[in-house]
Amino acid sequence: MFLPDNDHLHNRIHFQFKKLFKSKNMANSMTGLLIASASSGVALVGYLGAWWPAAGSGWLAVFAVQCVLYAVVFIGTAPIENGEVGRAS
């Protein structure tokens, strides 16, 4: 009932980055930077760039694209296998 749940987007992305970087710290940092820039980073750049007013309806489209991107990345990354994140065989 209270077992850890490692099947989160950040776990899946981190597993993929561990394949690319020798350093676990670099994989962890890149995971955090990617998630932060894809979520709040887009909103910050859009706000500072005055894409739409802060309460404008254009932000709904940004949110919808982020949701679709989240789903694509989640599906495209490996599922949990034996308590580890990894490609299903």
Protein backbone atom coordinates (compact mmCIF):
# COMPACT_ATOMS: atom_id res chain seq x y z
CA MET A 1 0.00 0.00 0.00
CA PHE A 2 2.77 2.44 0.84
CA LEU A 3 5.33 1.27 -1.69
CA PRO A 4 7.25 3.95 -3.60
CA ASP A 5 5.84 4.92 -6.97
CA ASN A 6 8.67 5.56 -9.40
CA ASP A 7 6.56 5.71 -12.54
CA HIS A 8 6.53 9.49 -12.77
CA LEU A 9 7.60 11.59 -15.74
CA HIS A 10 10.72 12.84 -13.96
CA ASN A 11 11.81 9.26 -13.19
CA ARG A 12 11.36 8.24 -16.80
CA ILE A 13 13.26 11.27 -18.13
CA HIS A 14 16.03 10.78 -15.57
CA PHE A 15 16.46 7.17 -16.69
CA GLN A 16 16.89 8.32 -20.30
CA PHE A 17 19.39 11.03 -19.31
CA LYS A 18 21.40 8.50 -17.28
CA LYS A 19 22.07 6.73 -20.58
CA LEU A 20 23.46 9.95 -22.08
CA PHE A 21 25.53 11.30 -19.18
CA LYS A 22 28.13 9.49 -17.10
CA SER A 23 27.38 11.68 -14.10
CA LYS A 24 24.19 11.01 -12.13
CA ASN A 25 24.31 14.65 -11.01
CA MET A 26 24.28 15.83 -14.63
CA ALA A 27 21.36 13.53 -15.45
CA ASN A 28 19.48 14.82 -12.41
CA SER A 29 20.23 18.47 -13.25
CA MET A 30 19.21 18.05 -16.88
CA THR A 31 15.96 16.38 -15.82
CA GLY A 32 15.11 19.31 -13.57
CA LEU A 33 16.10 21.92 -16.14
CA LEU A 34 14.07 20.25 -18.87
CA ILE A 35 10.93 19.97 -16.78
CA ALA A 36 11.22 23.50 -15.38
CA SER A 37 11.91 25.08 -18.75
CA ALA A 38 9.09 23.15 -20.45
CA SER A 39 6.56 24.19 -17.85
CA SER A 40 7.15 27.43 -15.99
CA GLY A 41 9.93 28.53 -18.35
CA VAL A 42 7.53 28.71 -21.28
CA ALA A 43 5.06 30.72 -19.21
CA LEU A 44 7.80 33.10 -18.03
CA VAL A 45 9.15 33.70 -21.53
CA GLY A 46 5.62 34.15 -22.87
CA TYR A 47 4.75 36.62 -20.14
CA LEU A 48 7.97 38.60 -20.51
CA GLY A 49 7.61 38.52 -24.29
CA ALA A 50 4.03 39.79 -23.95
CA TRP A 51 2.57 36.99 -26.08
CA TRP A 52 -0.82 37.54 -24.51
CA PRO A 53 -2.10 39.42 -21.47
CA ALA A 54 -1.54 37.51 -18.24
CA ALA A 55 -5.26 36.69 -18.04
CA GLY A 56 -5.64 36.15 -21.80
CA SER A 57 -7.24 33.07 -23.31
CA GLY A 58 -4.12 32.33 -25.39
CA TRP A 59 -2.59 30.69 -22.35
CA LEU A 60 -5.16 27.92 -22.64
CA ALA A 61 -3.53 26.91 -25.93
CA VAL A 62 -0.09 26.94 -24.28
CA PHE A 63 -1.42 24.74 -21.47
CA ALA A 64 -3.05 22.34 -23.95
CA VAL A 65 0.21 21.99 -25.90
CA GLN A 66 2.09 21.35 -22.65
CA CYS A 67 -0.41 18.62 -21.72
CA VAL A 68 -0.02 16.95 -25.10
CA LEU A 69 3.78 17.20 -24.88
CA TYR A 70 3.69 15.69 -21.37
CA ALA A 71 1.65 12.75 -22.66
CA VAL A 72 3.92 12.20 -25.67
CA VAL A 73 7.08 12.25 -23.55
CA PHE A 74 5.51 10.03 -20.89
CA ILE A 75 4.39 7.45 -23.45
CA GLY A 76 7.67 7.71 -25.37
CA THR A 77 9.83 6.99 -22.35
CA ALA A 78 10.31 3.59 -20.82
CA PRO A 79 7.85 2.01 -18.39
CA ILE A 80 8.86 0.72 -14.98
CA GLU A 81 10.29 -2.76 -14.95
CA ASN A 82 11.37 -4.61 -11.78
CA GLY A 83 11.35 -1.47 -9.65
CA GLU A 84 13.59 0.34 -12.15
CA VAL A 85 12.68 2.55 -15.01
CA GLY A 86 13.62 0.78 -18.21
CA ARG A 87 12.46 -0.30 -21.63
CA ALA A 88 9.91 -3.08 -21.61
CA SER A 89 11.08 -6.14 -23.47
